[in-house]
Amino acid sequence: MKEMQQWTLVICLAALAASLAQSLLPAGTMEHMGKFVVGAFMICVIIAPISKIVPQIKVNMADSSCSGKTESSMLESTVSGQMEEEAQKSISNLVTSQLGKINLKCKNVKMVMDTNSDGRISISKVVVRLESKSAADRQAAQEYLQKQLGLKTEVISNAG
């Protein structure tokens, strides 16, 4: 509160000094220049206390940008998770359709995948569980999927 009183006192004293200076200025071009200088002086007097507050505002803005980074990383992880989920669905649908071409049905498809630092999803392995218990079907499906998908594939059946 004391700072506010000092600030108003300084503004009042500056206004008195400005009016005194304006009354002493001669008419003509000097009067216009004097009004310009007095106006600039008054603006400086009014803004000076605000400039003391600005560094505190910058610090507060820096603190809020840190929380923005946290929100950004949360958003990034959410988007990354959604991308992995969609990749899982896409590969699962692809495997199901490829197995359908050789008249095999799969129970489920799991993938081992990782997101690189540059945001790319790399799939290291696809694990497919077949409904068929035949070892020949397992072998045929594994070879066919590796050829068609170009990915390391492990095919297991209900029997194991």
N, C-alpha and C. Protein backbone atom coordinates (compact mmCIF):
# COMPACT_ATOMS: atom_id res chain seq x y z
N MET A 1 0.83 -1.19 0.00
CA MET A 1 0.00 0.00 0.00
C MET A 1 0.87 1.25 0.00
N LYS A 2 1.99 1.18 0.73
CA LYS A 2 2.89 2.33 0.82
C LYS A 2 3.47 2.66 -0.56
N GLU A 3 3.75 1.63 -1.35
CA GLU A 3 4.29 1.86 -2.70
C GLU A 3 3.28 2.61 -3.57
N MET A 4 2.00 2.29 -3.38
CA MET A 4 0.96 2.96 -4.15
C MET A 4 0.88 4.44 -3.78
N GLN A 5 1.00 4.74 -2.49
CA GLN A 5 0.98 6.13 -2.05
C GLN A 5 2.18 6.89 -2.60
N GLN A 6 3.35 6.25 -2.59
CA GLN A 6 4.54 6.90 -3.14
C GLN A 6 4.39 7.14 -4.64
N TRP A 7 3.82 6.17 -5.32
CA TRP A 7 3.63 6.31 -6.75
C TRP A 7 2.70 7.48 -7.07
N THR A 8 1.59 7.61 -6.36
CA THR A 8 0.67 8.73 -6.60
C THR A 8 1.32 10.06 -6.25
N LEU A 9 2.13 10.08 -5.18
CA LEU A 9 2.84 11.30 -4.80
C LEU A 9 3.81 11.72 -5.90
N VAL A 10 4.54 10.76 -6.45
CA VAL A 10 5.49 11.07 -7.53
C VAL A 10 4.75 11.58 -8.76
N ILE A 11 3.60 10.98 -9.09
CA ILE A 11 2.82 11.44 -10.25
C ILE A 11 2.33 12.87 -10.03
N CYS A 12 1.85 13.16 -8.82
CA CYS A 12 1.37 14.53 -8.53
C CYS A 12 2.50 15.54 -8.61
N LEU A 13 3.65 15.21 -8.05
CA LEU A 13 4.79 16.13 -8.11
C LEU A 13 5.27 16.31 -9.54
N ALA A 14 5.27 15.23 -10.32
CA ALA A 14 5.68 15.33 -11.72
C ALA A 14 4.70 16.18 -12.51
N ALA A 15 3.40 16.07 -12.20
CA ALA A 15 2.39 16.88 -12.88
C ALA A 15 2.59 18.36 -12.55
N LEU A 16 2.89 18.65 -11.28
CA LEU A 16 3.16 20.05 -10.91
C LEU A 16 4.39 20.59 -11.63
N ALA A 17 5.46 19.79 -11.68
CA ALA A 17 6.69 20.22 -12.36
C ALA A 17 6.43 20.41 -13.86
N ALA A 18 5.61 19.54 -14.44
CA ALA A 18 5.31 19.64 -15.86
C ALA A 18 4.49 20.88 -16.16
N SER A 19 3.52 21.16 -15.32
CA SER A 19 2.72 22.36 -15.57
C SER A 19 3.55 23.63 -15.39
N LEU A 20 4.45 23.64 -14.41
CA LEU A 20 5.35 24.78 -14.23
C LEU A 20 6.24 24.95 -15.45
N ALA A 21 6.79 23.85 -15.97
CA ALA A 21 7.67 23.92 -17.14
C ALA A 21 6.90 24.41 -18.36
N GLN A 22 5.65 23.98 -18.51
CA GLN A 22 4.85 24.41 -19.64
C GLN A 22 4.50 25.90 -19.56
N SER A 23 4.30 26.38 -18.37
CA SER A 23 3.96 27.80 -18.24
C SER A 23 5.16 28.69 -18.53
N LEU A 24 6.36 28.17 -18.35
CA LEU A 24 7.56 28.96 -18.61
C LEU A 24 8.01 28.91 -20.07
N LEU A 25 7.46 27.96 -20.85
CA LEU A 25 7.87 27.81 -22.24
C LEU A 25 7.28 28.93 -23.10
N PRO A 26 8.08 29.45 -24.05
CA PRO A 26 7.56 30.48 -24.97
C PRO A 26 6.61 29.85 -25.99
N ALA A 27 5.72 30.67 -26.56
CA ALA A 27 4.76 30.19 -27.55
C ALA A 27 5.49 29.88 -28.85
N GLY A 28 4.89 29.05 -29.68
CA GLY A 28 5.49 28.73 -30.99
C GLY A 28 5.95 27.29 -31.04
N THR A 29 7.02 27.09 -31.80
CA THR A 29 7.52 25.72 -31.99
C THR A 29 8.11 25.15 -30.71
N MET A 30 8.67 26.02 -29.87
CA MET A 30 9.22 25.53 -28.59
C MET A 30 8.10 25.01 -27.69
N GLU A 31 6.93 25.59 -27.79
CA GLU A 31 5.80 25.14 -26.98
C GLU A 31 5.41 23.71 -27.37
N HIS A 32 5.39 23.42 -28.67
CA HIS A 32 5.05 22.07 -29.13
C HIS A 32 6.10 21.07 -28.68
N MET A 33 7.36 21.44 -28.80
CA MET A 33 8.44 20.55 -28.37
C MET A 33 8.38 20.34 -26.86
N GLY A 34 8.09 21.40 -26.11
CA GLY A 34 7.99 21.31 -24.66
C GLY A 34 6.85 20.39 -24.24
N LYS A 35 5.70 20.48 -24.92
CA LYS A 35 4.57 19.60 -24.60
C LYS A 35 4.94 18.14 -24.88
N PHE A 36 5.67 17.91 -25.96
CA PHE A 36 6.10 16.56 -26.29
C PHE A 36 7.02 16.00 -25.20
N VAL A 37 7.98 16.81 -24.77
CA VAL A 37 8.94 16.38 -23.74
C VAL A 37 8.21 16.16 -22.41
N VAL A 38 7.31 17.05 -22.04
CA VAL A 38 6.56 16.91 -20.79
C VAL A 38 5.68 15.65 -20.84
N GLY A 39 5.07 15.39 -21.98
CA GLY A 39 4.25 14.18 -22.14
C GLY A 39 5.09 12.92 -21.98
N ALA A 40 6.26 12.91 -22.61
CA ALA A 40 7.16 11.75 -22.48
C ALA A 40 7.61 11.59 -21.03
N PHE A 41 7.89 12.71 -20.36
CA PHE A 41 8.30 12.66 -18.95
C PHE A 41 7.18 12.07 -18.09
N MET A 42 5.95 12.48 -18.33
CA MET A 42 4.82 11.96 -17.55
C MET A 42 4.61 10.46 -17.80
N ILE A 43 4.77 10.06 -19.03
CA ILE A 43 4.64 8.62 -19.33
C ILE A 43 5.71 7.84 -18.59
N CYS A 44 6.94 8.35 -18.58
CA CYS A 44 8.02 7.67 -17.86
C CYS A 44 7.75 7.60 -16.36
N VAL A 45 7.21 8.68 -15.81
CA VAL A 45 6.91 8.70 -14.37
C VAL A 45 5.83 7.66 -14.04
N ILE A 46 4.85 7.54 -14.90
CA ILE A 46 3.76 6.60 -14.64
C ILE A 46 4.23 5.15 -14.84
N ILE A 47 5.07 4.92 -15.84
CA ILE A 47 5.49 3.56 -16.17
C ILE A 47 6.62 3.05 -15.27
N ALA A 48 7.41 3.91 -14.69
CA ALA A 48 8.58 3.49 -13.90
C ALA A 48 8.25 2.42 -12.84
N PRO A 49 7.21 2.58 -12.03
CA PRO A 49 6.92 1.52 -11.05
C PRO A 49 6.49 0.20 -11.70
N ILE A 50 5.86 0.31 -12.85
CA ILE A 50 5.43 -0.90 -13.54
C ILE A 50 6.64 -1.70 -14.01
N SER A 51 7.71 -1.00 -14.40
CA SER A 51 8.90 -1.70 -14.86
C SER A 51 9.55 -2.52 -13.75
N LYS A 52 9.30 -2.14 -12.50
CA LYS A 52 9.83 -2.93 -11.38
C LYS A 52 9.04 -4.23 -11.21
N ILE A 53 7.79 -4.23 -11.64
CA ILE A 53 6.93 -5.41 -11.52
C ILE A 53 7.19 -6.39 -12.67
N VAL A 54 7.62 -5.90 -13.83
CA VAL A 54 7.79 -6.74 -15.02
C VAL A 54 8.73 -7.92 -14.78
N PRO A 55 9.88 -7.78 -14.13
CA PRO A 55 10.71 -8.98 -13.90
C PRO A 55 9.96 -10.06 -13.12
N GLN A 56 9.10 -9.68 -12.20
CA GLN A 56 8.32 -10.66 -11.45
C GLN A 56 7.34 -11.37 -12.38
N ILE A 57 6.79 -10.63 -13.34
CA ILE A 57 5.86 -11.23 -14.29
C ILE A 57 6.60 -12.23 -15.18
N LYS A 58 7.82 -11.89 -15.60
CA LYS A 58 8.60 -12.80 -16.43
C LYS A 58 8.88 -14.10 -15.68
N VAL A 59 9.18 -13.99 -14.39
CA VAL A 59 9.42 -15.19 -13.59
C VAL A 59 8.16 -16.04 -13.53
N ASN A 60 7.02 -15.41 -13.33
CA ASN A 60 5.76 -16.14 -13.29
C ASN A 60 5.45 -16.79 -14.63
N MET A 61 5.76 -16.10 -15.72
CA MET A 61 5.54 -16.67 -17.03
C MET A 61 6.45 -17.87 -17.26
N ALA A 62 7.68 -17.79 -16.76
CA ALA A 62 8.60 -18.92 -16.90
C ALA A 62 8.06 -20.12 -16.13
N ASP A 63 7.49 -19.89 -14.96
CA ASP A 63 6.92 -20.98 -14.18
C ASP A 63 5.75 -21.61 -14.91
N SER A 64 4.92 -20.78 -15.53
CA SER A 64 3.77 -21.32 -16.23
C SER A 64 4.19 -22.06 -17.49
N SER A 65 5.31 -21.67 -18.11
CA SER A 65 5.77 -22.40 -19.29
C SER A 65 6.26 -23.77 -18.90
N CYS A 66 6.77 -23.93 -17.68
CA CYS A 66 7.18 -25.27 -17.23
C CYS A 66 5.97 -26.17 -17.11
N SER A 67 4.87 -25.65 -16.59
CA SER A 67 3.66 -26.47 -16.51
C SER A 67 3.12 -26.73 -17.90
N GLY A 68 3.35 -25.81 -18.83
CA GLY A 68 2.95 -26.03 -20.21
C GLY A 68 3.73 -27.17 -20.83
N LYS A 69 5.01 -27.30 -20.46
CA LYS A 69 5.81 -28.42 -20.95
C LYS A 69 5.26 -29.72 -20.41
N THR A 70 4.82 -29.71 -19.16
CA THR A 70 4.25 -30.91 -18.57
C THR A 70 2.98 -31.30 -19.32
N GLU A 71 2.14 -30.32 -19.59
CA GLU A 71 0.91 -30.58 -20.34
C GLU A 71 1.25 -31.07 -21.74
N SER A 72 2.29 -30.49 -22.32
CA SER A 72 2.71 -30.88 -23.66
C SER A 72 3.20 -32.33 -23.66
N SER A 73 3.97 -32.71 -22.65
CA SER A 73 4.45 -34.09 -22.61
C SER A 73 3.30 -35.06 -22.36
N MET A 74 2.31 -34.64 -21.57
CA MET A 74 1.14 -35.49 -21.35
C MET A 74 0.38 -35.68 -22.66
N LEU A 75 0.22 -34.60 -23.40
CA LEU A 75 -0.47 -34.67 -24.69
C LEU A 75 0.31 -35.56 -25.65
N GLU A 76 1.62 -35.39 -25.64
CA GLU A 76 2.47 -36.18 -26.52
C GLU A 76 2.36 -37.67 -26.20
N SER A 77 2.36 -38.02 -24.92
CA SER A 77 2.25 -39.44 -24.55
C SER A 77 0.86 -39.99 -24.91
N THR A 78 -0.18 -39.17 -24.76
CA THR A 78 -1.53 -39.60 -25.13
C THR A 78 -1.61 -39.86 -26.63
N VAL A 79 -1.07 -38.94 -27.42
CA VAL A 79 -1.09 -39.10 -28.87
C VAL A 79 -0.27 -40.33 -29.28
N SER A 80 0.87 -40.52 -28.63
CA SER A 80 1.71 -41.68 -28.92
C SER A 80 0.97 -42.97 -28.62
N GLY A 81 0.27 -43.01 -27.48
CA GLY A 81 -0.52 -44.19 -27.13
C GLY A 81 -1.62 -44.45 -28.12
N GLN A 82 -2.27 -43.40 -28.58
CA GLN A 82 -3.34 -43.55 -29.56
C GLN A 82 -2.79 -44.05 -30.91
N MET A 83 -1.60 -43.56 -31.27
CA MET A 83 -0.99 -44.01 -32.51
C MET A 83 -0.64 -45.49 -32.43
N GLU A 84 -0.10 -45.92 -31.29
CA GLU A 84 0.23 -47.33 -31.11
C GLU A 84 -1.03 -48.20 -31.15
N GLU A 85 -2.10 -47.71 -30.52
CA GLU A 85 -3.36 -48.45 -30.51
C GLU A 85 -3.91 -48.60 -31.92
N GLU A 86 -3.86 -47.53 -32.71
CA GLU A 86 -4.34 -47.60 -34.09
C GLU A 86 -3.45 -48.49 -34.94
N ALA A 87 -2.15 -48.46 -34.69
CA ALA A 87 -1.24 -49.36 -35.42
C ALA A 87 -1.57 -50.81 -35.09
N GLN A 88 -1.85 -51.07 -33.81
CA GLN A 88 -2.23 -52.42 -33.37
C GLN A 88 -3.49 -52.88 -34.11
N LYS A 89 -4.50 -52.03 -34.16
CA LYS A 89 -5.75 -52.38 -34.85
C LYS A 89 -5.51 -52.63 -36.33
N SER A 90 -4.71 -51.76 -36.94
CA SER A 90 -4.44 -51.87 -38.37
C SER A 90 -3.72 -53.17 -38.70
N ILE A 91 -2.68 -53.49 -37.95
CA ILE A 91 -1.94 -54.72 -38.19
C ILE A 91 -2.82 -55.93 -37.91
N SER A 92 -3.62 -55.86 -36.86
CA SER A 92 -4.53 -56.96 -36.53
C SER A 92 -5.50 -57.22 -37.68
N ASN A 93 -6.09 -56.17 -38.24
CA ASN A 93 -6.99 -56.31 -39.38
C ASN A 93 -6.26 -56.87 -40.59
N LEU A 94 -5.03 -56.43 -40.81
CA LEU A 94 -4.23 -56.90 -41.94
C LEU A 94 -3.92 -58.39 -41.79
N VAL A 95 -3.51 -58.80 -40.59
CA VAL A 95 -3.20 -60.21 -40.33
C VAL A 95 -4.45 -61.07 -40.53
N THR A 96 -5.58 -60.61 -39.99
CA THR A 96 -6.83 -61.36 -40.13
C THR A 96 -7.20 -61.53 -41.60
N SER A 97 -7.09 -60.49 -42.39
CA SER A 97 -7.44 -60.58 -43.81
C SER A 97 -6.44 -61.46 -44.56
N GLN A 98 -5.15 -61.38 -44.22
CA GLN A 98 -4.16 -62.22 -44.89
C GLN A 98 -4.38 -63.69 -44.57
N LEU A 99 -4.70 -63.98 -43.30
CA LEU A 99 -4.97 -65.37 -42.93
C LEU A 99 -6.25 -65.88 -43.58
N GLY A 100 -7.21 -64.99 -43.79
CA GLY A 100 -8.45 -65.36 -44.47
C GLY A 100 -8.19 -65.81 -45.90
N LYS A 101 -7.15 -65.26 -46.52
CA LYS A 101 -6.81 -65.65 -47.90
C LYS A 101 -6.33 -67.09 -47.98
N ILE A 102 -5.78 -67.61 -46.87
CA ILE A 102 -5.33 -69.02 -46.88
C ILE A 102 -6.25 -69.89 -46.01
N ASN A 103 -7.46 -69.38 -45.79
CA ASN A 103 -8.52 -70.09 -45.07
C ASN A 103 -8.17 -70.47 -43.64
N LEU A 104 -7.53 -69.55 -42.92
CA LEU A 104 -7.25 -69.74 -41.50
C LEU A 104 -7.87 -68.59 -40.72
N LYS A 105 -8.26 -68.90 -39.50
CA LYS A 105 -8.84 -67.87 -38.64
C LYS A 105 -7.93 -67.68 -37.43
N CYS A 106 -7.80 -66.42 -37.04
CA CYS A 106 -6.97 -66.15 -35.85
C CYS A 106 -7.86 -65.74 -34.69
N LYS A 107 -7.40 -66.10 -33.49
CA LYS A 107 -8.13 -65.69 -32.29
C LYS A 107 -7.77 -64.27 -31.91
N ASN A 108 -6.48 -64.01 -31.85
CA ASN A 108 -6.05 -62.64 -31.54
C ASN A 108 -4.66 -62.40 -32.11
N VAL A 109 -4.30 -61.11 -32.16
CA VAL A 109 -3.00 -60.69 -32.68
C VAL A 109 -2.40 -59.73 -31.66
N LYS A 110 -1.17 -60.00 -31.28
CA LYS A 110 -0.44 -59.09 -30.39
C LYS A 110 0.82 -58.66 -31.09
N MET A 111 1.28 -57.47 -30.75
CA MET A 111 2.50 -56.95 -31.36
C MET A 111 3.46 -56.47 -30.30
N VAL A 112 4.73 -56.62 -30.60
CA VAL A 112 5.78 -56.02 -29.79
C VAL A 112 6.26 -54.83 -30.60
N MET A 113 5.99 -53.63 -30.09
CA MET A 113 6.37 -52.43 -30.84
C MET A 113 6.93 -51.38 -29.91
N ASP A 114 7.63 -50.42 -30.52
CA ASP A 114 8.27 -49.36 -29.77
C ASP A 114 8.17 -48.07 -30.58
N THR A 115 8.09 -46.95 -29.87
CA THR A 115 8.09 -45.65 -30.53
C THR A 115 9.47 -45.04 -30.40
N ASN A 116 10.08 -44.72 -31.54
CA ASN A 116 11.42 -44.14 -31.54
C ASN A 116 11.37 -42.70 -31.06
N SER A 117 12.53 -42.13 -30.82
CA SER A 117 12.61 -40.74 -30.34
C SER A 117 12.07 -39.76 -31.37
N ASP A 118 12.12 -40.13 -32.66
CA ASP A 118 11.60 -39.23 -33.69
C ASP A 118 10.12 -39.48 -33.98
N GLY A 119 9.46 -40.34 -33.16
CA GLY A 119 8.02 -40.52 -33.26
C GLY A 119 7.58 -41.67 -34.15
N ARG A 120 8.53 -42.39 -34.74
CA ARG A 120 8.16 -43.52 -35.60
C ARG A 120 7.88 -44.75 -34.76
N ILE A 121 6.89 -45.51 -35.18
CA ILE A 121 6.55 -46.76 -34.49
C ILE A 121 7.27 -47.89 -35.22
N SER A 122 8.04 -48.65 -34.48
CA SER A 122 8.70 -49.81 -35.07
C SER A 122 8.09 -51.08 -34.47
N ILE A 123 7.73 -52.00 -35.33
CA ILE A 123 7.12 -53.25 -34.90
C ILE A 123 8.21 -54.31 -35.00
N SER A 124 8.57 -54.89 -33.86
CA SER A 124 9.64 -55.88 -33.87
C SER A 124 9.13 -57.31 -34.01
N LYS A 125 7.90 -57.55 -33.61
CA LYS A 125 7.39 -58.92 -33.67
C LYS A 125 5.86 -58.90 -33.66
N VAL A 126 5.27 -59.84 -34.41
CA VAL A 126 3.83 -60.01 -34.41
C VAL A 126 3.55 -61.43 -33.91
N VAL A 127 2.72 -61.55 -32.88
CA VAL A 127 2.35 -62.85 -32.32
C VAL A 127 0.88 -63.11 -32.67
N VAL A 128 0.64 -64.20 -33.37
CA VAL A 128 -0.70 -64.53 -33.84
C VAL A 128 -1.13 -65.84 -33.19
N ARG A 129 -2.32 -65.86 -32.62
CA ARG A 129 -2.89 -67.09 -32.04
C ARG A 129 -3.97 -67.58 -33.00
N LEU A 130 -3.76 -68.80 -33.51
CA LEU A 130 -4.71 -69.40 -34.45
C LEU A 130 -5.77 -70.20 -33.71
N GLU A 131 -6.93 -70.36 -34.35
CA GLU A 131 -7.97 -71.23 -33.80
C GLU A 131 -7.64 -72.68 -34.10
N SER A 132 -6.91 -72.91 -35.17
CA SER A 132 -6.53 -74.26 -35.57
C SER A 132 -5.45 -74.81 -34.64
N LYS A 133 -5.50 -76.12 -34.38
CA LYS A 133 -4.51 -76.75 -33.51
C LYS A 133 -3.43 -77.45 -34.32
N SER A 134 -3.54 -77.44 -35.62
CA SER A 134 -2.62 -78.16 -36.50
C SER A 134 -1.26 -77.47 -36.57
N ALA A 135 -0.20 -78.26 -36.43
CA ALA A 135 1.16 -77.73 -36.53
C ALA A 135 1.46 -77.29 -37.96
N ALA A 136 0.88 -78.00 -38.92
CA ALA A 136 1.08 -77.63 -40.33
C ALA A 136 0.45 -76.27 -40.62
N ASP A 137 -0.73 -76.02 -40.06
CA ASP A 137 -1.38 -74.71 -40.23
C ASP A 137 -0.54 -73.61 -39.60
N ARG A 138 0.00 -73.90 -38.43
CA ARG A 138 0.87 -72.91 -37.74
C ARG A 138 2.05 -72.56 -38.62
N GLN A 139 2.73 -73.58 -39.14
CA GLN A 139 3.93 -73.36 -39.96
C GLN A 139 3.57 -72.61 -41.24
N ALA A 140 2.49 -73.01 -41.87
CA ALA A 140 2.07 -72.36 -43.13
C ALA A 140 1.71 -70.89 -42.87
N ALA A 141 0.99 -70.64 -41.79
CA ALA A 141 0.59 -69.27 -41.47
C ALA A 141 1.81 -68.42 -41.16
N GLN A 142 2.76 -68.96 -40.42
CA GLN A 142 3.96 -68.19 -40.06
C GLN A 142 4.76 -67.82 -41.30
N GLU A 143 4.98 -68.77 -42.18
CA GLU A 143 5.73 -68.49 -43.41
C GLU A 143 4.99 -67.49 -44.29
N TYR A 144 3.68 -67.67 -44.43
CA TYR A 144 2.88 -66.79 -45.28
C TYR A 144 2.89 -65.35 -44.74
N LEU A 145 2.68 -65.20 -43.43
CA LEU A 145 2.64 -63.86 -42.84
C LEU A 145 3.99 -63.17 -42.91
N GLN A 146 5.08 -63.92 -42.68
CA GLN A 146 6.40 -63.30 -42.76
C GLN A 146 6.68 -62.82 -44.18
N LYS A 147 6.24 -63.61 -45.16
CA LYS A 147 6.43 -63.24 -46.56
C LYS A 147 5.57 -62.03 -46.91
N GLN A 148 4.31 -62.03 -46.51
CA GLN A 148 3.38 -60.96 -46.88
C GLN A 148 3.63 -59.66 -46.11
N LEU A 149 3.91 -59.78 -44.82
CA LEU A 149 4.06 -58.58 -43.98
C LEU A 149 5.49 -58.07 -43.92
N GLY A 150 6.44 -58.96 -44.10
CA GLY A 150 7.84 -58.56 -43.98
C GLY A 150 8.24 -58.30 -42.54
N LEU A 151 7.52 -58.93 -41.60
CA LEU A 151 7.80 -58.75 -40.18
C LEU A 151 8.08 -60.10 -39.55
N LYS A 152 8.86 -60.09 -38.48
CA LYS A 152 9.09 -61.31 -37.72
C LYS A 152 7.75 -61.70 -37.12
N THR A 153 7.34 -62.95 -37.38
CA THR A 153 6.02 -63.40 -36.96
C THR A 153 6.14 -64.70 -36.19
N GLU A 154 5.40 -64.77 -35.10
CA GLU A 154 5.32 -66.00 -34.31
C GLU A 154 3.86 -66.42 -34.32
N VAL A 155 3.61 -67.66 -34.75
CA VAL A 155 2.25 -68.15 -34.81
C VAL A 155 2.11 -69.27 -33.79
N ILE A 156 1.12 -69.15 -32.93
CA ILE A 156 0.85 -70.18 -31.93
C ILE A 156 -0.59 -70.61 -32.08
N SER A 157 -0.88 -71.79 -31.58
CA SER A 157 -2.26 -72.27 -31.67
C SER A 157 -2.84 -72.42 -30.29
N ASN A 158 -4.10 -72.79 -30.22
CA ASN A 158 -4.76 -72.97 -28.92
C ASN A 158 -4.04 -73.99 -28.07
N ALA A 159 -3.47 -75.00 -28.74
CA ALA A 159 -2.78 -76.06 -28.00
C ALA A 159 -1.44 -75.56 -27.47
N GLY A 160 -0.94 -74.45 -27.98
CA GLY A 160 0.32 -73.91 -27.48
C GLY A 160 1.27 -73.80 -28.59
